[in-house]
């Protein structure tokens, strides 16, 4: 759909008329600010809610942007949140996704107890881990096996209809400036110097997400005494002192007979956050490792 300033491209189920109305009402529905831009909640004419990502620091041409969005929009997988539409103009670049009423995994993990939320139990965290791992693995098979997510974190992770994790906001690293490649504690070491995202960088970010599920701590705000430290460094320090039990979220300690499973997930996470990209496993291997933690907990077919 051509407008006065740019073009809407609908990928699925979002009508031109409704999508243009989303844009007109954006500034009144602020939802949050992230690595690659600002997020808004908006309602379509049929009353269904959607999320609109207003991108910043986009450096590619219109054609390159459209090509990347078409690749992202073609992906259909139970554990990947689909791109519904996108918009391109000189001054605005927007992406439209489904809205999840329960919020993100980040909000579930870090909301204050009693604020209309219950702590995630161990089985839920296992299902989140398996779902996200499967979603990332599928992404890595696209575009001849070269596609990268580039922005894996708990605030981009949601629960699908089977209560398994699904990942959103993929492909944004391919259209933004290198300076925008930053992840609030999820960023792999090599991306800080090369300013480029690789599939091995996704593996690192997933490892951080596993640590977040295990510890209940935000990646950039783990505490060591009165000091705020990076989550990966904090976990390394605790494990080296052989205080492994101190790593786990206190909310998980009330569940019996799961310590062995938590330790196993911790070992997988530590493989994923290896300093060298070559040391990290491929995501297809990670899926098998996480699934094998407890088959009965993740036996629902995704």
C-alpha atoms as a PDB file:
ATOM      1  CA  UNK A   1       0.000   0.000   0.000  1.00  0.00           C
ATOM      2  CA  UNK A   2       1.500   3.352  -1.058  1.00  0.00           C
ATOM      3  CA  UNK A   3       0.931   6.247   1.347  1.00  0.00           C
ATOM      4  CA  UNK A   4       1.955   9.874   1.154  1.00  0.00           C
ATOM      5  CA  UNK A   5       5.311   9.158   2.742  1.00  0.00           C
ATOM      6  CA  UNK A   6       6.097   5.459   2.357  1.00  0.00           C
ATOM      7  CA  UNK A   7       4.909   1.938   1.700  1.00  0.00           C
ATOM      8  CA  UNK A   8       3.192  -0.710   3.829  1.00  0.00           C
ATOM      9  CA  UNK A   9       3.840  -4.360   3.088  1.00  0.00           C
ATOM     10  CA  UNK A  10       1.351  -6.805   4.605  1.00  0.00           C
ATOM     11  CA  UNK A  11       2.702 -10.306   5.069  1.00  0.00           C
ATOM     12  CA  UNK A  12      -0.314 -11.918   6.665  1.00  0.00           C
ATOM     13  CA  UNK A  13      -3.738 -10.985   8.005  1.00  0.00           C
ATOM     14  CA  UNK A  14      -3.041  -7.286   8.556  1.00  0.00           C
ATOM     15  CA  UNK A  15      -5.199  -5.139   6.282  1.00  0.00           C
ATOM     16  CA  UNK A  16      -3.783  -2.001   4.658  1.00  0.00           C
ATOM     17  CA  UNK A  17      -6.413   0.229   6.223  1.00  0.00           C
ATOM     18  CA  UNK A  18      -5.929  -1.161   9.726  1.00  0.00           C
ATOM     19  CA  UNK A  19      -2.156  -1.023   9.470  1.00  0.00           C
ATOM     20  CA  UNK A  20      -2.156   2.631   8.472  1.00  0.00           C
ATOM     21  CA  UNK A  21      -4.345   3.403  11.476  1.00  0.00           C
ATOM     22  CA  UNK A  22      -1.741   1.704  13.681  1.00  0.00           C
ATOM     23  CA  UNK A  23       0.844   4.201  12.491  1.00  0.00           C
ATOM     24  CA  UNK A  24      -1.425   7.188  13.092  1.00  0.00           C
ATOM     25  CA  UNK A  25      -1.969   6.194  16.706  1.00  0.00           C
ATOM     26  CA  UNK A  26       1.571   5.105  17.587  1.00  0.00           C
ATOM     27  CA  UNK A  27       2.620   7.958  19.827  1.00  0.00           C
ATOM     28  CA  UNK A  28      -0.340   7.396  22.143  1.00  0.00           C
ATOM     29  CA  UNK A  29       0.447   3.740  22.829  1.00  0.00           C
ATOM     30  CA  UNK A  30       4.045   3.574  24.043  1.00  0.00           C
ATOM     31  CA  UNK A  31       4.918   0.058  25.223  1.00  0.00           C
ATOM     32  CA  UNK A  32       8.683  -0.040  25.784  1.00  0.00           C
ATOM     33  CA  UNK A  33      12.148   0.783  24.485  1.00  0.00           C
ATOM     34  CA  UNK A  34      14.661  -1.843  23.342  1.00  0.00           C
ATOM     35  CA  UNK A  35      17.981  -2.345  21.577  1.00  0.00           C
ATOM     36  CA  UNK A  36      16.741  -1.583  18.074  1.00  0.00           C
ATOM     37  CA  UNK A  37      13.965   0.903  18.709  1.00  0.00           C
ATOM     38  CA  UNK A  38      10.727   1.714  20.500  1.00  0.00           C
ATOM     39  CA  UNK A  39       7.764  -0.632  20.833  1.00  0.00           C
ATOM     40  CA  UNK A  40       4.083   0.315  20.759  1.00  0.00           C
ATOM     41  CA  UNK A  41       0.853  -1.572  21.334  1.00  0.00           C
ATOM     42  CA  UNK A  42      -2.017  -0.905  18.931  1.00  0.00           C
ATOM     43  CA  UNK A  43      -5.452  -2.357  18.165  1.00  0.00           C
ATOM     44  CA  UNK A  44      -6.692  -3.403  14.723  1.00  0.00           C
ATOM     45  CA  UNK A  45     -10.237  -2.795  13.517  1.00  0.00           C
ATOM     46  CA  UNK A  46     -11.196  -6.320  14.624  1.00  0.00           C
ATOM     47  CA  UNK A  47     -10.026  -5.410  18.171  1.00  0.00           C
ATOM     48  CA  UNK A  48      -7.026  -7.736  18.012  1.00  0.00           C
ATOM     49  CA  UNK A  49      -3.912  -6.168  19.503  1.00  0.00           C
ATOM     50  CA  UNK A  50      -0.559  -6.061  17.747  1.00  0.00           C
ATOM     51  CA  UNK A  51       2.909  -4.831  18.639  1.00  0.00           C
ATOM     52  CA  UNK A  52       4.635  -2.268  16.422  1.00  0.00           C
ATOM     53  CA  UNK A  53       8.417  -1.900  16.496  1.00  0.00           C
ATOM     54  CA  UNK A  54       9.621   1.554  15.450  1.00  0.00           C
ATOM     55  CA  UNK A  55      13.204   0.980  14.318  1.00  0.00           C
ATOM     56  CA  UNK A  56      16.153   3.297  14.835  1.00  0.00           C
ATOM     57  CA  UNK A  57      19.597   3.422  13.221  1.00  0.00           C
ATOM     58  CA  UNK A  58      18.500   1.677  10.017  1.00  0.00           C
ATOM     59  CA  UNK A  59      21.328   2.097   7.503  1.00  0.00           C
ATOM     60  CA  UNK A  60      20.332  -0.130   4.552  1.00  0.00           C
ATOM     61  CA  UNK A  61      18.533   0.953   1.391  1.00  0.00           C
ATOM     62  CA  UNK A  62      14.811   0.462   0.890  1.00  0.00           C
ATOM     63  CA  UNK A  63      15.430  -2.543  -1.353  1.00  0.00           C
ATOM     64  CA  UNK A  64      17.808  -4.167   1.149  1.00  0.00           C
ATOM     65  CA  UNK A  65      15.346  -3.515   3.957  1.00  0.00           C
ATOM     66  CA  UNK A  66      12.491  -5.075   1.970  1.00  0.00           C
ATOM     67  CA  UNK A  67      14.598  -8.115   1.079  1.00  0.00           C
ATOM     68  CA  UNK A  68      15.465  -8.716   4.740  1.00  0.00           C
ATOM     69  CA  UNK A  69      11.858  -8.263   5.826  1.00  0.00           C
ATOM     70  CA  UNK A  70      10.626 -10.711   3.180  1.00  0.00           C
ATOM     71  CA  UNK A  71      13.080 -13.319   4.457  1.00  0.00           C
ATOM     72  CA  UNK A  72      12.005 -12.725   8.057  1.00  0.00           C
ATOM     73  CA  UNK A  73       8.326 -12.648   7.097  1.00  0.00           C
ATOM     74  CA  UNK A  74       8.542 -15.979   5.271  1.00  0.00           C
ATOM     75  CA  UNK A  75       9.536 -17.860   8.414  1.00  0.00           C
ATOM     76  CA  UNK A  76       6.728 -19.901   9.925  1.00  0.00           C
ATOM     77  CA  UNK A  77       7.602 -21.958  12.986  1.00  0.00           C
ATOM     78  CA  UNK A  78       5.808 -22.641  16.253  1.00  0.00           C
ATOM     79  CA  UNK A  79       8.708 -21.175  18.209  1.00  0.00           C
ATOM     80  CA  UNK A  80       9.279 -18.035  16.120  1.00  0.00           C
ATOM     81  CA  UNK A  81       6.917 -15.057  16.468  1.00  0.00           C
ATOM     82  CA  UNK A  82       5.833 -14.202  12.893  1.00  0.00           C
ATOM     83  CA  UNK A  83       6.324 -10.821  11.292  1.00  0.00           C
ATOM     84  CA  UNK A  84       2.840  -9.669  10.200  1.00  0.00           C
ATOM     85  CA  UNK A  85       3.694  -6.500   8.266  1.00  0.00           C
ATOM     86  CA  UNK A  86       6.340  -3.849   7.824  1.00  0.00           C
ATOM     87  CA  UNK A  87       6.528  -0.238   6.731  1.00  0.00           C
ATOM     88  CA  UNK A  88       9.292   1.709   5.022  1.00  0.00           C
ATOM     89  CA  UNK A  89       9.671   5.427   4.397  1.00  0.00           C
ATOM     90  CA  UNK A  90      12.554   7.870   4.551  1.00  0.00           C
ATOM     91  CA  UNK A  91      11.784   8.777   8.153  1.00  0.00           C
ATOM     92  CA  UNK A  92      10.000   5.683   9.501  1.00  0.00           C
ATOM     93  CA  UNK A  93      10.714   1.954   9.494  1.00  0.00           C
ATOM     94  CA  UNK A  94       8.136  -0.175  11.320  1.00  0.00           C
ATOM     95  CA  UNK A  95       7.558  -3.885  11.974  1.00  0.00           C
ATOM     96  CA  UNK A  96       4.272  -5.430  13.148  1.00  0.00           C
ATOM     97  CA  UNK A  97       4.055  -8.541  15.355  1.00  0.00           C
ATOM     98  CA  UNK A  98       1.442 -10.419  17.358  1.00  0.00           C
ATOM     99  CA  UNK A  99       0.735  -9.180  20.868  1.00  0.00           C
ATOM    100  CA  UNK A 100       1.064 -11.588  23.813  1.00  0.00           C
ATOM    101  CA  UNK A 101      -1.264 -10.854  26.727  1.00  0.00           C
ATOM    102  CA  UNK A 102       0.947 -12.560  29.305  1.00  0.00           C
ATOM    103  CA  UNK A 103       3.919 -10.392  28.477  1.00  0.00           C
ATOM    104  CA  UNK A 104       7.474 -11.502  27.933  1.00  0.00           C
ATOM    105  CA  UNK A 105       9.519 -14.069  29.824  1.00  0.00           C
ATOM    106  CA  UNK A 106      11.517 -11.148  31.193  1.00  0.00           C
ATOM    107  CA  UNK A 107       8.404  -9.728  32.858  1.00  0.00           C
ATOM    108  CA  UNK A 108       7.537 -13.182  34.219  1.00  0.00           C
ATOM    109  CA  UNK A 109      11.004 -13.669  35.705  1.00  0.00           C
ATOM    110  CA  UNK A 110      11.612 -10.203  37.082  1.00  0.00           C
ATOM    111  CA  UNK A 111       8.198  -8.905  38.115  1.00  0.00           C
ATOM    112  CA  UNK A 112       7.830  -8.330  41.840  1.00  0.00           C
ATOM    113  CA  UNK A 113       6.088 -11.192  43.611  1.00  0.00           C
ATOM    114  CA  UNK A 114       2.413 -10.424  44.156  1.00  0.00           C
ATOM    115  CA  UNK A 115       2.103  -8.039  41.199  1.00  0.00           C
ATOM    116  CA  UNK A 116      -0.495 -10.206  39.432  1.00  0.00           C
ATOM    117  CA  UNK A 117       2.106 -12.810  38.543  1.00  0.00           C
ATOM    118  CA  UNK A 118       3.365 -16.125  39.860  1.00  0.00           C
ATOM    119  CA  UNK A 119       7.024 -17.172  39.683  1.00  0.00           C
ATOM    120  CA  UNK A 120       7.814 -19.491  36.770  1.00  0.00           C
ATOM    121  CA  UNK A 121       8.139 -23.069  37.967  1.00  0.00           C
ATOM    122  CA  UNK A 122      10.931 -25.393  36.825  1.00  0.00           C
ATOM    123  CA  UNK A 123       8.906 -27.240  34.196  1.00  0.00           C
ATOM    124  CA  UNK A 124       7.850 -23.921  32.634  1.00  0.00           C
ATOM    125  CA  UNK A 125      11.470 -22.811  32.431  1.00  0.00           C
ATOM    126  CA  UNK A 126      12.448 -26.079  30.781  1.00  0.00           C
ATOM    127  CA  UNK A 127       9.723 -25.659  28.181  1.00  0.00           C
ATOM    128  CA  UNK A 128      10.811 -22.091  27.517  1.00  0.00           C
ATOM    129  CA  UNK A 129      14.405 -23.245  26.997  1.00  0.00           C
ATOM    130  CA  UNK A 130      13.470 -26.042  24.599  1.00  0.00           C
ATOM    131  CA  UNK A 131      11.074 -23.860  22.608  1.00  0.00           C
ATOM    132  CA  UNK A 132      13.529 -20.998  22.150  1.00  0.00           C
ATOM    133  CA  UNK A 133      16.321 -23.427  21.236  1.00  0.00           C
ATOM    134  CA  UNK A 134      14.102 -24.957  18.535  1.00  0.00           C
ATOM    135  CA  UNK A 135      13.125 -21.544  17.230  1.00  0.00           C
ATOM    136  CA  UNK A 136      16.735 -20.366  16.946  1.00  0.00           C
ATOM    137  CA  UNK A 137      17.741 -23.654  15.318  1.00  0.00           C
ATOM    138  CA  UNK A 138      15.053 -23.176  12.673  1.00  0.00           C
ATOM    139  CA  UNK A 139      16.184 -19.595  12.040  1.00  0.00           C
ATOM    140  CA  UNK A 140      19.753 -20.814  11.539  1.00  0.00           C
ATOM    141  CA  UNK A 141      18.600 -23.144   8.752  1.00  0.00           C
ATOM    142  CA  UNK A 142      17.103 -20.284   6.705  1.00  0.00           C
ATOM    143  CA  UNK A 143      18.787 -18.367   3.841  1.00  0.00           C
ATOM    144  CA  UNK A 144      21.069 -21.268   3.062  1.00  0.00           C
ATOM    145  CA  UNK A 145      21.936 -21.755   6.699  1.00  0.00           C
ATOM    146  CA  UNK A 146      23.288 -18.222   7.083  1.00  0.00           C
ATOM    147  CA  UNK A 147      20.463 -16.382   8.856  1.00  0.00           C
ATOM    148  CA  UNK A 148      21.126 -14.950  12.321  1.00  0.00           C
ATOM    149  CA  UNK A 149      18.644 -13.772  14.948  1.00  0.00           C
ATOM    150  CA  UNK A 150      20.912 -11.176  16.533  1.00  0.00           C
ATOM    151  CA  UNK A 151      18.742 -10.035  19.443  1.00  0.00           C
ATOM    152  CA  UNK A 152      18.019 -13.009  21.701  1.00  0.00           C
ATOM    153  CA  UNK A 153      16.922 -12.008  25.201  1.00  0.00           C
ATOM    154  CA  UNK A 154      14.129 -12.697  27.661  1.00  0.00           C
ATOM    155  CA  UNK A 155      12.205  -9.542  26.730  1.00  0.00           C
ATOM    156  CA  UNK A 156      11.950 -10.938  23.183  1.00  0.00           C
ATOM    157  CA  UNK A 157      10.805 -14.348  24.435  1.00  0.00           C
ATOM    158  CA  UNK A 158       7.132 -15.276  24.849  1.00  0.00           C
ATOM    159  CA  UNK A 159       4.972 -18.357  25.482  1.00  0.00           C
ATOM    160  CA  UNK A 160       3.183 -20.007  22.565  1.00  0.00           C
ATOM    161  CA  UNK A 161      -0.104 -21.896  22.803  1.00  0.00           C
ATOM    162  CA  UNK A 162       1.715 -24.981  24.101  1.00  0.00           C
ATOM    163  CA  UNK A 163       3.395 -22.890  26.820  1.00  0.00           C
ATOM    164  CA  UNK A 164       6.776 -23.352  25.159  1.00  0.00           C
ATOM    165  CA  UNK A 165       9.125 -20.479  24.471  1.00  0.00           C
ATOM    166  CA  UNK A 166       8.997 -18.604  21.163  1.00  0.00           C
ATOM    167  CA  UNK A 167      11.400 -15.912  20.026  1.00  0.00           C
ATOM    168  CA  UNK A 168      10.560 -12.535  18.486  1.00  0.00           C
ATOM    169  CA  UNK A 169      12.333  -9.620  16.741  1.00  0.00           C
ATOM    170  CA  UNK A 170      14.696 -11.640  14.579  1.00  0.00           C
ATOM    171  CA  UNK A 171      16.726 -10.196  11.720  1.00  0.00           C
ATOM    172  CA  UNK A 172      16.994  -6.633  13.012  1.00  0.00           C
ATOM    173  CA  UNK A 173      20.778  -6.792  13.316  1.00  0.00           C
ATOM    174  CA  UNK A 174      20.908  -7.137   9.530  1.00  0.00           C
ATOM    175  CA  UNK A 175      19.366  -3.717   8.870  1.00  0.00           C
ATOM    176  CA  UNK A 176      20.710  -1.529  11.678  1.00  0.00           C
ATOM    177  CA  UNK A 177      24.040   0.205  12.108  1.00  0.00           C
ATOM    178  CA  UNK A 178      26.828  -1.761  13.814  1.00  0.00           C
ATOM    179  CA  UNK A 179      26.662   0.653  16.752  1.00  0.00           C
ATOM    180  CA  UNK A 180      23.141  -0.615  17.450  1.00  0.00           C
ATOM    181  CA  UNK A 181      24.381  -4.176  17.954  1.00  0.00           C
ATOM    182  CA  UNK A 182      24.298  -4.320  21.709  1.00  0.00           C
ATOM    183  CA  UNK A 183      22.409  -6.582  24.013  1.00  0.00           C
ATOM    184  CA  UNK A 184      22.385  -5.535  27.674  1.00  0.00           C
ATOM    185  CA  UNK A 185      24.358  -8.498  28.969  1.00  0.00           C
ATOM    186  CA  UNK A 186      23.451 -10.945  26.200  1.00  0.00           C
ATOM    187  CA  UNK A 187      26.138  -9.771  23.785  1.00  0.00           C
ATOM    188  CA  UNK A 188      28.870 -12.251  22.809  1.00  0.00           C
ATOM    189  CA  UNK A 189      32.468 -11.015  23.273  1.00  0.00           C
ATOM    190  CA  UNK A 190      33.288 -11.121  19.553  1.00  0.00           C
ATOM    191  CA  UNK A 191      30.456  -8.724  18.677  1.00  0.00           C
ATOM    192  CA  UNK A 192      31.991  -5.991  20.804  1.00  0.00           C
ATOM    193  CA  UNK A 193      35.058  -5.786  18.583  1.00  0.00           C
ATOM    194  CA  UNK A 194      33.823  -7.003  15.198  1.00  0.00           C
ATOM    195  CA  UNK A 195      30.456  -5.201  15.516  1.00  0.00           C
ATOM    196  CA  UNK A 196      28.905  -8.114  13.673  1.00  0.00           C
ATOM    197  CA  UNK A 197      26.534 -10.899  14.735  1.00  0.00           C
ATOM    198  CA  UNK A 198      27.210 -14.556  13.926  1.00  0.00           C
ATOM    199  CA  UNK A 199      25.225 -17.726  14.578  1.00  0.00           C
ATOM    200  CA  UNK A 200      27.743 -18.534  17.318  1.00  0.00           C
ATOM    201  CA  UNK A 201      26.822 -15.153  18.838  1.00  0.00           C
ATOM    202  CA  UNK A 202      23.203 -16.330  18.989  1.00  0.00           C
ATOM    203  CA  UNK A 203      24.398 -19.433  20.845  1.00  0.00           C
ATOM    204  CA  UNK A 204      26.108 -17.206  23.407  1.00  0.00           C
ATOM    205  CA  UNK A 205      22.982 -15.104  23.876  1.00  0.00           C
ATOM    206  CA  UNK A 206      20.897 -18.249  24.331  1.00  0.00           C
ATOM    207  CA  UNK A 207      23.362 -19.415  26.982  1.00  0.00           C
ATOM    208  CA  UNK A 208      22.827 -16.144  28.842  1.00  0.00           C
ATOM    209  CA  UNK A 209      19.062 -16.698  28.594  1.00  0.00           C
ATOM    210  CA  UNK A 210      19.527 -20.160  30.161  1.00  0.00           C
ATOM    211  CA  UNK A 211      21.506 -18.589  33.001  1.00  0.00           C
ATOM    212  CA  UNK A 212      18.735 -16.057  33.469  1.00  0.00           C
ATOM    213  CA  UNK A 213      16.153 -18.862  33.702  1.00  0.00           C
ATOM    214  CA  UNK A 214      18.330 -20.686  36.234  1.00  0.00           C
ATOM    215  CA  UNK A 215      19.290 -17.734  38.427  1.00  0.00           C
ATOM    216  CA  UNK A 216      16.277 -15.461  38.097  1.00  0.00           C
ATOM    217  CA  UNK A 217      18.751 -12.584  37.707  1.00  0.00           C
ATOM    218  CA  UNK A 218      18.812  -9.982  34.955  1.00  0.00           C
ATOM    219  CA  UNK A 219      21.956 -10.447  32.777  1.00  0.00           C
ATOM    220  CA  UNK A 220      23.319  -6.951  33.388  1.00  0.00           C
ATOM    221  CA  UNK A 221      22.294  -6.747  37.050  1.00  0.00           C
ATOM    222  CA  UNK A 222      23.584  -9.821  38.862  1.00  0.00           C
ATOM    223  CA  UNK A 223      24.806  -8.928  42.329  1.00  0.00           C
ATOM    224  CA  UNK A 224      28.038  -9.989  43.972  1.00  0.00           C
ATOM    225  CA  UNK A 225      27.991  -8.481  47.431  1.00  0.00           C
ATOM    226  CA  UNK A 226      27.168  -4.818  46.835  1.00  0.00           C
ATOM    227  CA  UNK A 227      28.647  -4.850  43.328  1.00  0.00           C
ATOM    228  CA  UNK A 228      26.614  -5.134  40.120  1.00  0.00           C
ATOM    229  CA  UNK A 229      28.350  -7.486  37.668  1.00  0.00           C
ATOM    230  CA  UNK A 230      27.690  -9.212  34.350  1.00  0.00           C
ATOM    231  CA  UNK A 231      25.656 -12.403  34.900  1.00  0.00           C
ATOM    232  CA  UNK A 232      28.098 -14.660  33.036  1.00  0.00           C
ATOM    233  CA  UNK A 233      31.047 -13.418  35.095  1.00  0.00           C
ATOM    234  CA  UNK A 234      29.076 -13.829  38.306  1.00  0.00           C
ATOM    235  CA  UNK A 235      28.094 -17.419  37.517  1.00  0.00           C
ATOM    236  CA  UNK A 236      31.687 -18.230  36.546  1.00  0.00           C
ATOM    237  CA  UNK A 237      32.954 -16.881  39.861  1.00  0.00           C
ATOM    238  CA  UNK A 238      30.396 -18.825  41.901  1.00  0.00           C
ATOM    239  CA  UNK A 239      31.025 -22.100  40.064  1.00  0.00           C
ATOM    240  CA  UNK A 240      34.800 -21.722  40.403  1.00  0.00           C
ATOM    241  CA  UNK A 241      34.366 -21.413  44.157  1.00  0.00           C
ATOM    242  CA  UNK A 242      32.317 -24.649  44.059  1.00  0.00           C
ATOM    243  CA  UNK A 243      29.257 -22.876  45.397  1.00  0.00           C
ATOM    244  CA  UNK A 244      27.074 -24.082  42.524  1.00  0.00           C
ATOM    245  CA  UNK A 245      23.921 -24.266  44.644  1.00  0.00           C
ATOM    246  CA  UNK A 246      24.211 -20.507  45.225  1.00  0.00           C
ATOM    247  CA  UNK A 247      23.591 -19.903  41.512  1.00  0.00           C
ATOM    248  CA  UNK A 248      19.989 -21.080  41.396  1.00  0.00           C
ATOM    249  CA  UNK A 249      16.905 -18.898  41.784  1.00  0.00           C
ATOM    250  CA  UNK A 250      15.530 -19.232  45.316  1.00  0.00           C
ATOM    251  CA  UNK A 251      12.061 -19.656  43.771  1.00  0.00           C
ATOM    252  CA  UNK A 252      13.253 -22.968  42.302  1.00  0.00           C
ATOM    253  CA  UNK A 253      14.575 -24.362  45.569  1.00  0.00           C
ATOM    254  CA  UNK A 254      11.074 -25.218  46.772  1.00  0.00           C
ATOM    255  CA  UNK A 255      10.662 -27.849  44.043  1.00  0.00           C
ATOM    256  CA  UNK A 256      11.965 -31.286  45.058  1.00  0.00           C
ATOM    257  CA  UNK A 257      14.269 -33.537  43.030  1.00  0.00           C
ATOM    258  CA  UNK A 258      15.275 -31.014  40.371  1.00  0.00           C
ATOM    259  CA  UNK A 259      18.816 -30.060  41.453  1.00  0.00           C
ATOM    260  CA  UNK A 260      20.422 -32.573  39.097  1.00  0.00           C
ATOM    261  CA  UNK A 261      18.380 -31.190  36.200  1.00  0.00           C
ATOM    262  CA  UNK A 262      19.323 -27.612  37.084  1.00  0.00           C
ATOM    263  CA  UNK A 263      22.998 -28.530  37.229  1.00  0.00           C
ATOM    264  CA  UNK A 264      22.685 -30.173  33.819  1.00  0.00           C
ATOM    265  CA  UNK A 265      21.124 -27.032  32.332  1.00  0.00           C
ATOM    266  CA  UNK A 266      23.851 -24.971  33.982  1.00  0.00           C
ATOM    267  CA  UNK A 267      26.493 -27.097  32.265  1.00  0.00           C
ATOM    268  CA  UNK A 268      24.778 -26.559  28.892  1.00  0.00           C
ATOM    269  CA  UNK A 269      24.599 -22.823  29.507  1.00  0.00           C
ATOM    270  CA  UNK A 270      28.307 -22.675  30.327  1.00  0.00           C
ATOM    271  CA  UNK A 271      29.118 -24.440  27.045  1.00  0.00           C
ATOM    272  CA  UNK A 272      27.021 -21.873  25.178  1.00  0.00           C
ATOM    273  CA  UNK A 273      28.756 -18.887  26.785  1.00  0.00           C
ATOM    274  CA  UNK A 274      32.244 -20.095  25.952  1.00  0.00           C
ATOM    275  CA  UNK A 275      34.500 -17.103  25.281  1.00  0.00           C
ATOM    276  CA  UNK A 276      35.594 -18.379  21.868  1.00  0.00           C
ATOM    277  CA  UNK A 277      32.899 -18.895  19.194  1.00  0.00           C
ATOM    278  CA  UNK A 278      34.597 -22.119  18.135  1.00  0.00           C
ATOM    279  CA  UNK A 279      34.094 -23.554  21.622  1.00  0.00           C
ATOM    280  CA  UNK A 280      30.316 -23.191  21.508  1.00  0.00           C
ATOM    281  CA  UNK A 281      27.984 -25.973  20.318  1.00  0.00           C
ATOM    282  CA  UNK A 282      25.671 -25.530  17.321  1.00  0.00           C
ATOM    283  CA  UNK A 283      22.036 -24.776  18.166  1.00  0.00           C
ATOM    284  CA  UNK A 284      20.865 -28.124  16.756  1.00  0.00           C
ATOM    285  CA  UNK A 285      23.109 -29.826  19.295  1.00  0.00           C
ATOM    286  CA  UNK A 286      21.875 -27.531  22.065  1.00  0.00           C
ATOM    287  CA  UNK A 287      18.265 -28.551  21.344  1.00  0.00           C
ATOM    288  CA  UNK A 288      19.142 -32.205  21.931  1.00  0.00           C
ATOM    289  CA  UNK A 289      21.036 -31.397  25.111  1.00  0.00           C
ATOM    290  CA  UNK A 290      18.208 -29.365  26.604  1.00  0.00           C
ATOM    291  CA  UNK A 291      15.537 -31.880  25.560  1.00  0.00           C
ATOM    292  CA  UNK A 292      17.486 -34.637  27.269  1.00  0.00           C
ATOM    293  CA  UNK A 293      17.450 -32.856  30.630  1.00  0.00           C
ATOM    294  CA  UNK A 294      14.047 -34.315  31.315  1.00  0.00           C
ATOM    295  CA  UNK A 295      12.108 -35.841  28.451  1.00  0.00           C
ATOM    296  CA  UNK A 296       8.849 -36.044  30.422  1.00  0.00           C
ATOM    297  CA  UNK A 297       8.867 -32.288  31.063  1.00  0.00           C
ATOM    298  CA  UNK A 298       9.038 -31.379  27.390  1.00  0.00           C
ATOM    299  CA  UNK A 299       7.250 -34.270  25.750  1.00  0.00           C
ATOM    300  CA  UNK A 300       4.567 -32.081  24.136  1.00  0.00           C
ATOM    301  CA  UNK A 301       5.222 -31.956  20.424  1.00  0.00           C
ATOM    302  CA  UNK A 302       6.132 -28.418  19.422  1.00  0.00           C
END
